[in-house]
Protein backbone atom coordinates (compact mmCIF):
# COMPACT_ATOMS: atom_id res chain seq x y z
CA UNK A 1 0.00 0.00 0.00
CA UNK A 2 3.03 2.32 -0.06
CA UNK A 3 2.14 3.41 -3.60
CA UNK A 4 -1.29 4.39 -2.26
CA UNK A 5 0.17 6.44 0.60
CA UNK A 6 2.76 8.05 -1.64
CA UNK A 7 0.05 9.33 -3.96
CA UNK A 8 -1.55 11.49 -1.24
CA UNK A 9 -0.62 15.17 -1.16
CA UNK A 10 -1.76 15.75 2.43
CA UNK A 11 -2.15 13.54 5.49
CA UNK A 12 -5.91 14.10 5.75
CA UNK A 13 -6.26 12.32 2.39
CA UNK A 14 -5.35 9.07 4.18
CA UNK A 15 -7.96 9.35 6.94
CA UNK A 16 -10.84 6.87 7.12
CA UNK A 17 -13.45 9.60 6.69
CA UNK A 18 -11.81 10.88 3.52
CA UNK A 19 -11.13 7.48 1.94
CA UNK A 20 -14.68 6.34 2.64
CA UNK A 21 -15.98 9.10 0.37
CA UNK A 22 -14.30 7.51 -2.66
CA UNK A 23 -15.68 4.07 -1.82
CA UNK A 24 -19.21 5.46 -1.44
CA UNK A 25 -18.88 7.32 -4.76
CA UNK A 26 -17.99 4.04 -6.48
CA UNK A 27 -20.56 1.86 -4.67
CA UNK A 28 -17.87 0.30 -2.48
CA UNK A 29 -16.01 -1.15 -5.46
CA UNK A 30 -12.41 -1.03 -4.23
CA UNK A 31 -10.82 -1.21 -7.66
CA UNK A 32 -12.93 1.62 -9.10
CA UNK A 33 -12.57 3.74 -5.95
CA UNK A 34 -8.78 3.30 -5.96
CA UNK A 35 -8.56 4.32 -9.61
CA UNK A 36 -10.68 7.40 -8.99
CA UNK A 37 -8.63 8.36 -5.93
CA UNK A 38 -5.26 7.96 -7.66
CA UNK A 39 -6.36 9.96 -10.71
CA UNK A 40 -7.53 12.77 -8.43
CA UNK A 41 -4.27 12.78 -6.44
CA UNK A 42 -2.37 13.01 -9.73
CA UNK A 43 -4.57 15.95 -10.77
CA UNK A 44 -3.91 17.67 -7.44
CA UNK A 45 -0.13 17.33 -7.80
CA UNK A 46 -0.04 18.43 -11.44
CA UNK A 47 -2.13 21.52 -10.73
CA UNK A 48 -0.74 22.37 -7.29
CA UNK A 49 -4.25 22.23 -5.82
CA UNK A 50 -3.07 22.09 -2.20
CA UNK A 51 -1.79 25.67 -2.57
CA UNK A 52 -4.72 27.15 -4.50
CA UNK A 53 -6.33 28.70 -1.42
CA UNK A 54 -3.22 30.89 -1.16
CA UNK A 55 -2.28 31.33 -4.82
CA UNK A 56 -5.66 31.95 -6.46
CA UNK A 57 -6.54 35.26 -4.70
CA UNK A 58 -3.15 36.66 -5.74
CA UNK A 59 -2.97 35.22 -9.24
CA UNK A 60 -6.48 36.41 -10.12
CA UNK A 61 -6.70 39.49 -7.88
CA UNK A 62 -8.02 41.79 -10.65
CA UNK A 63 -10.82 39.38 -11.50
CA UNK A 64 -11.59 38.27 -7.95
CA UNK A 65 -11.90 41.70 -6.31
CA UNK A 66 -14.88 42.87 -8.42
CA UNK A 67 -16.36 39.35 -8.37
CA UNK A 68 -16.55 39.29 -4.58
CA UNK A 69 -18.23 42.71 -4.58
CA UNK A 70 -20.74 41.49 -7.15
CA UNK A 71 -21.28 38.02 -5.69
CA UNK A 72 -24.63 37.59 -3.91
CA UNK A 73 -23.99 34.77 -1.48
CA UNK A 74 -21.76 33.57 1.31
CA UNK A 75 -20.77 30.80 3.72
CA UNK A 76 -22.94 30.14 6.76
CA UNK A 77 -23.57 27.33 9.26
CA UNK A 78 -26.39 24.78 9.53
CA UNK A 79 -28.29 24.10 12.74
CA UNK A 80 -26.06 21.11 13.48
CA UNK A 81 -22.83 23.02 12.82
CA UNK A 82 -21.88 21.99 9.27
CA UNK A 83 -20.98 24.40 6.44
CA UNK A 84 -23.77 25.98 4.41
CA UNK A 85 -23.15 27.84 1.15
CA UNK A 86 -25.87 30.25 -0.03
CA UNK A 87 -25.96 31.65 -3.55
CA UNK A 88 -28.55 33.91 -5.20
CA UNK A 89 -27.92 32.68 -8.72
CA UNK A 90 -30.87 34.51 -10.23
CA UNK A 91 -29.57 37.93 -9.16
CA UNK A 92 -26.21 37.46 -10.89
CA UNK A 93 -25.38 37.62 -14.58
CA UNK A 94 -23.13 34.64 -15.44
CA UNK A 95 -22.51 35.84 -18.99
CA UNK A 96 -21.02 39.11 -17.72
CA UNK A 97 -18.60 37.10 -15.57
CA UNK A 98 -17.56 34.84 -18.46
CA UNK A 99 -17.18 37.83 -20.78
CA UNK A 100 -14.95 39.79 -18.41
CA UNK A 101 -12.90 36.97 -16.86
CA UNK A 102 -12.85 33.87 -19.06
CA UNK A 103 -13.41 30.13 -18.47
CA UNK A 104 -10.04 29.61 -16.75
CA UNK A 105 -11.00 32.03 -13.96
CA UNK A 106 -14.41 30.38 -13.57
CA UNK A 107 -12.87 26.91 -13.31
CA UNK A 108 -10.21 27.94 -10.78
CA UNK A 109 -12.78 29.94 -8.82
CA UNK A 110 -14.82 26.75 -8.49
CA UNK A 111 -11.76 24.81 -7.29
CA UNK A 112 -10.81 27.58 -4.85
CA UNK A 113 -14.29 27.62 -3.33
CA UNK A 114 -14.30 23.82 -3.09
CA UNK A 115 -10.97 23.89 -1.26
CA UNK A 116 -12.23 26.57 1.15
CA UNK A 117 -15.34 24.53 1.91
CA UNK A 118 -13.28 21.34 2.30
CA UNK A 119 -11.11 23.02 4.93
CA UNK A 120 -14.20 24.09 6.90
CA UNK A 121 -15.57 20.57 6.60
CA UNK A 122 -12.32 18.98 7.85
CA UNK A 123 -12.39 21.22 10.92
CA UNK A 124 -15.92 20.04 11.72
CA UNK A 125 -14.93 16.40 11.14
CA UNK A 126 -12.13 16.75 13.69
CA UNK A 127 -14.59 18.21 16.20
CA UNK A 128 -17.25 15.52 15.76
CA UNK A 129 -15.48 12.44 14.42
CA UNK A 130 -18.19 12.28 11.75
CA UNK A 131 -18.63 13.38 8.16
CA UNK A 132 -21.74 15.09 6.83
CA UNK A 133 -20.75 17.23 3.85
CA UNK A 134 -21.80 20.66 2.65
CA UNK A 135 -25.34 21.98 2.30
CA UNK A 136 -26.02 24.37 -0.59
CA UNK A 137 -28.97 26.78 -0.79
CA UNK A 138 -29.58 28.23 -4.26
CA UNK A 139 -32.06 31.07 -4.80
CA UNK A 140 -33.41 31.04 -8.36
CA UNK A 141 -35.43 34.25 -8.15
CA UNK A 142 -34.59 36.33 -11.20
CA UNK A 143 -33.29 33.45 -13.32
CA UNK A 144 -33.78 34.17 -17.02
CA UNK A 145 -32.75 32.86 -20.39
CA UNK A 146 -29.28 34.39 -20.03
CA UNK A 147 -28.67 31.75 -17.35
CA UNK A 148 -29.35 29.05 -19.95
CA UNK A 149 -26.95 30.17 -22.69
CA UNK A 150 -24.65 27.55 -24.18
CA UNK A 151 -21.59 29.23 -22.61
CA UNK A 152 -23.12 29.11 -19.13
CA UNK A 153 -24.31 25.51 -19.53
CA UNK A 154 -20.88 24.41 -20.82
CA UNK A 155 -19.18 26.09 -17.87
CA UNK A 156 -21.57 24.40 -15.45
CA UNK A 157 -20.90 20.99 -17.02
CA UNK A 158 -17.14 21.43 -16.77
CA UNK A 159 -17.35 22.46 -13.11
CA UNK A 160 -19.79 19.66 -12.27
CA UNK A 161 -17.53 17.04 -13.86
CA UNK A 162 -14.45 18.35 -12.06
CA UNK A 163 -16.28 18.38 -8.73
CA UNK A 164 -17.64 14.85 -9.17
CA UNK A 165 -14.19 13.49 -10.05
CA UNK A 166 -12.21 15.22 -7.31
CA UNK A 167 -14.60 16.06 -4.45
CA UNK A 168 -16.74 12.92 -4.06
CA UNK A 169 -19.50 13.01 -1.44
CA UNK A 170 -18.75 16.69 -0.81
CA UNK A 171 -22.44 17.47 -1.02
CA UNK A 172 -24.81 16.79 1.83
CA UNK A 173 -27.88 18.34 0.23
CA UNK A 174 -28.90 21.05 -2.26
CA UNK A 175 -32.01 23.14 -1.65
CA UNK A 176 -33.30 25.15 -4.60
CA UNK A 177 -35.81 27.89 -3.77
CA UNK A 178 -37.92 30.33 -5.80
CA UNK A 179 -37.72 27.94 -8.75
CA UNK A 180 -39.38 29.60 -11.79
CA UNK A 181 -42.02 27.91 -13.91
CA UNK A 182 -39.50 27.00 -16.63
CA UNK A 183 -37.05 25.50 -14.13
CA UNK A 184 -37.95 22.00 -15.31
CA UNK A 185 -36.38 22.81 -18.68
CA UNK A 186 -33.26 24.21 -17.03
CA UNK A 187 -32.99 21.25 -14.66
CA UNK A 188 -33.32 18.80 -17.55
CA UNK A 189 -30.46 20.60 -19.31
CA UNK A 190 -28.00 20.20 -16.45
CA UNK A 191 -29.16 17.31 -14.26
CA UNK A 192 -28.00 14.72 -16.75
CA UNK A 193 -24.44 15.82 -16.05
CA UNK A 194 -24.86 15.18 -12.35
CA UNK A 195 -24.43 11.73 -10.87
CA UNK A 196 -27.55 10.05 -9.48
CA UNK A 197 -26.53 10.53 -5.84
CA UNK A 198 -26.22 14.29 -6.41
CA UNK A 199 -29.59 14.44 -8.16
CA UNK A 200 -31.20 12.50 -5.32
CA UNK A 201 -29.83 15.01 -2.79
CA UNK A 202 -31.58 17.93 -4.50
CA UNK A 203 -34.87 19.38 -3.19
CA UNK A 204 -36.71 22.02 -5.23
CA UNK A 205 -39.25 24.52 -3.85
CA UNK A 206 -41.12 27.55 -5.16
CA UNK A 207 -41.85 30.66 -3.11
CA UNK A 208 -43.17 28.65 -0.12
CA UNK A 209 -39.72 27.56 0.98
CA UNK A 210 -39.15 29.07 4.42
CA UNK A 211 -40.37 26.19 6.57
CA UNK A 212 -38.16 23.77 4.65
CA UNK A 213 -35.09 26.00 4.91
CA UNK A 214 -35.60 26.50 8.66
CA UNK A 215 -35.30 22.75 9.11
CA UNK A 216 -31.57 23.06 8.35
CA UNK A 217 -30.60 26.65 9.27
CA UNK A 218 -31.69 28.78 12.23
CA UNK A 219 -33.73 31.96 11.76
CA UNK A 220 -30.87 33.99 13.26
CA UNK A 221 -28.30 32.56 10.82
CA UNK A 222 -30.52 32.84 7.74
CA UNK A 223 -29.93 36.14 5.85
CA UNK A 224 -32.76 38.68 5.95
CA UNK A 225 -32.92 38.35 2.14
CA UNK A 226 -34.79 35.06 2.81
CA UNK A 227 -36.87 36.10 5.81
CA UNK A 228 -34.25 35.43 8.49
CA UNK A 229 -32.61 37.67 11.06
CA UNK A 230 -29.11 37.50 9.57
CA UNK A 231 -27.42 40.24 7.49
CA UNK A 232 -28.72 40.96 4.00
CA UNK A 233 -26.78 39.67 1.00
CA UNK A 234 -25.48 41.97 -1.71
CA UNK A 235 -27.93 42.55 -4.60
CA UNK A 236 -25.84 40.95 -7.36
CA UNK A 237 -26.19 42.58 -10.76
CA UNK A 238 -23.78 42.69 -13.69
CA UNK A 239 -20.10 41.90 -13.14
CA UNK A 240 -17.95 44.98 -13.76
CA UNK A 241 -14.27 44.45 -14.58
CA UNK A 242 -11.52 45.76 -12.33
CA UNK A 243 -10.74 48.80 -14.48
CA UNK A 244 -14.23 50.18 -14.06
CA UNK A 245 -13.87 50.19 -10.28
CA UNK A 246 -10.40 51.72 -10.19
CA UNK A 247 -11.40 55.36 -10.90
CA UNK A 248 -13.24 56.23 -7.69
CA UNK A 249 -14.08 59.22 -5.49
CA UNK A 250 -13.00 59.28 -1.85
CA UNK A 251 -15.07 61.01 0.84
CA UNK A 252 -14.97 61.25 4.65
CA UNK A 253 -18.29 60.96 6.53
CA UNK A 254 -18.08 62.25 10.13
CA UNK A 255 -19.53 60.28 13.04
CA UNK A 256 -23.27 60.83 13.36
CA UNK A 257 -23.60 62.23 9.82
CA UNK A 258 -24.67 61.02 6.39
CA UNK A 259 -23.60 61.74 2.84
CA UNK A 260 -26.16 61.90 0.03
CA UNK A 261 -25.23 61.81 -3.65
CA UNK A 262 -28.11 63.26 -5.71
CA UNK A 263 -28.47 62.00 -9.26
CA UNK A 264 -30.75 63.16 -12.08
CA UNK A 265 -31.61 60.56 -14.70
CA UNK A 266 -32.66 61.98 -18.08
CA UNK A 267 -33.71 58.76 -19.82
CA UNK A 268 -34.16 55.04 -19.12
CA UNK A 269 -30.75 53.89 -17.94
CA UNK A 270 -28.75 51.55 -15.78
CA UNK A 271 -27.56 53.03 -12.49
CA UNK A 272 -24.44 51.21 -11.33
CA UNK A 273 -22.47 51.73 -8.13
CA UNK A 274 -19.51 50.32 -6.30
CA UNK A 275 -18.10 51.37 -2.94
CA UNK A 276 -15.83 50.24 -0.16
CA UNK A 277 -15.48 51.55 3.39
CA UNK A 278 -11.98 51.76 4.81
CA UNK A 279 -13.28 51.73 8.39
CA UNK A 280 -15.80 48.92 8.91
CA UNK A 281 -19.54 49.04 8.13
CA UNK A 282 -21.62 52.01 7.06
CA UNK A 283 -25.32 52.31 6.26
CA UNK A 284 -26.04 52.31 2.51
CA UNK A 285 -29.26 52.85 0.56
CA UNK A 286 -30.57 53.92 -2.85
CA UNK A 287 -33.79 55.93 -3.21
CA UNK A 288 -35.96 57.42 -5.91
CA UNK A 289 -37.11 60.91 -4.90
CA UNK A 290 -40.82 61.47 -5.53
CA UNK A 291 -41.74 64.93 -4.25
CA UNK A 292 -41.21 64.87 -0.49
CA UNK A 293 -41.19 61.08 -0.41
CA UNK A 294 -38.35 58.63 -0.88
CA UNK A 295 -39.08 55.32 -2.60
CA UNK A 296 -36.67 52.67 -1.35
CA UNK A 297 -34.88 50.88 -4.21
CA UNK A 298 -32.06 49.37 -2.15
CA UNK A 299 -32.95 49.17 1.57
CA UNK A 300 -30.70 50.80 4.17
CA UNK A 301 -28.18 48.08 5.05
CA UNK A 302 -24.93 48.20 7.00
CA UNK A 303 -22.15 47.06 4.65
CA UNK A 304 -18.38 47.27 4.30
CA UNK A 305 -18.57 47.19 0.50
CA UNK A 306 -21.15 46.70 -2.21
CA UNK A 307 -21.70 46.88 -5.95
CA UNK A 308 -24.98 46.70 -7.81
CA UNK A 309 -27.07 47.72 -10.78
CA UNK A 310 -30.61 49.06 -11.10
CA UNK A 311 -32.72 49.73 -14.19
CA UNK A 312 -34.01 53.28 -13.67
CA UNK A 313 -36.46 55.58 -15.43
CA UNK A 314 -36.17 59.38 -15.74
CA UNK A 315 -36.30 61.15 -12.39
CA UNK A 316 -34.37 62.14 -9.26
CA UNK A 317 -32.41 59.57 -7.29
CA UNK A 318 -30.27 59.59 -4.17
CA UNK A 319 -27.47 57.28 -3.05
CA UNK A 320 -26.94 57.56 0.71
CA UNK A 321 -24.15 56.52 3.06
CA UNK A 322 -25.27 56.86 6.68
CA UNK A 323 -22.84 57.00 9.61
CA UNK A 324 -25.43 57.96 12.25
CA UNK A 325 -24.94 54.74 14.24
CA UNK A 326 -21.28 55.67 14.91
CA UNK A 327 -20.84 58.20 17.70
CA UNK A 328 -17.09 58.67 17.54
CA UNK A 329 -15.59 57.31 14.31
CA UNK A 330 -15.67 58.80 10.85
CA UNK A 331 -15.91 56.55 7.79
CA UNK A 332 -13.81 56.92 4.65
CA UNK A 333 -15.59 55.72 1.51
CA UNK A 334 -14.25 55.05 -1.98
CA UNK A 335 -17.14 55.04 -4.45
CA UNK A 336 -17.76 54.92 -8.17
CA UNK A 337 -21.09 55.59 -9.94
CA UNK A 338 -21.88 54.92 -13.60
CA UNK A 339 -25.03 55.81 -15.56
CA UNK A 340 -25.29 53.98 -18.85
Foldseek 3Di string as FASTA:
>chain_A
DVVLVVLAPDPVCPDPQNLVLLCVLVVNPVVNSSVLSSVLSVVCVVVVLVCLLPVVCVVPVQLVVLCVQQFFWDWFAWPVGAIETEGAVLLAQVVLSCVQPNLVNLQSVLSNVLVVNVVRQVVVCVVPVDHQAYEYEYENPNDDCSCVDPVNLVSLLVNQVVCCSHPGPNYNAYEYEQQDPCVVVVCVSRVVSHDPVHVVRYDYYRLPCVVVRCVIHPLCGDDVVNPGVHFGTARRARRDGSVQQPDWDKDKAFAQGKDKDKDFDDAWWKKKKKKAKPPAWWWKFKWFDDPPDTHTPGDTGIDRIHIHIDGDGGGMMMIMTGNNVGHHDMIMMIMDIDID
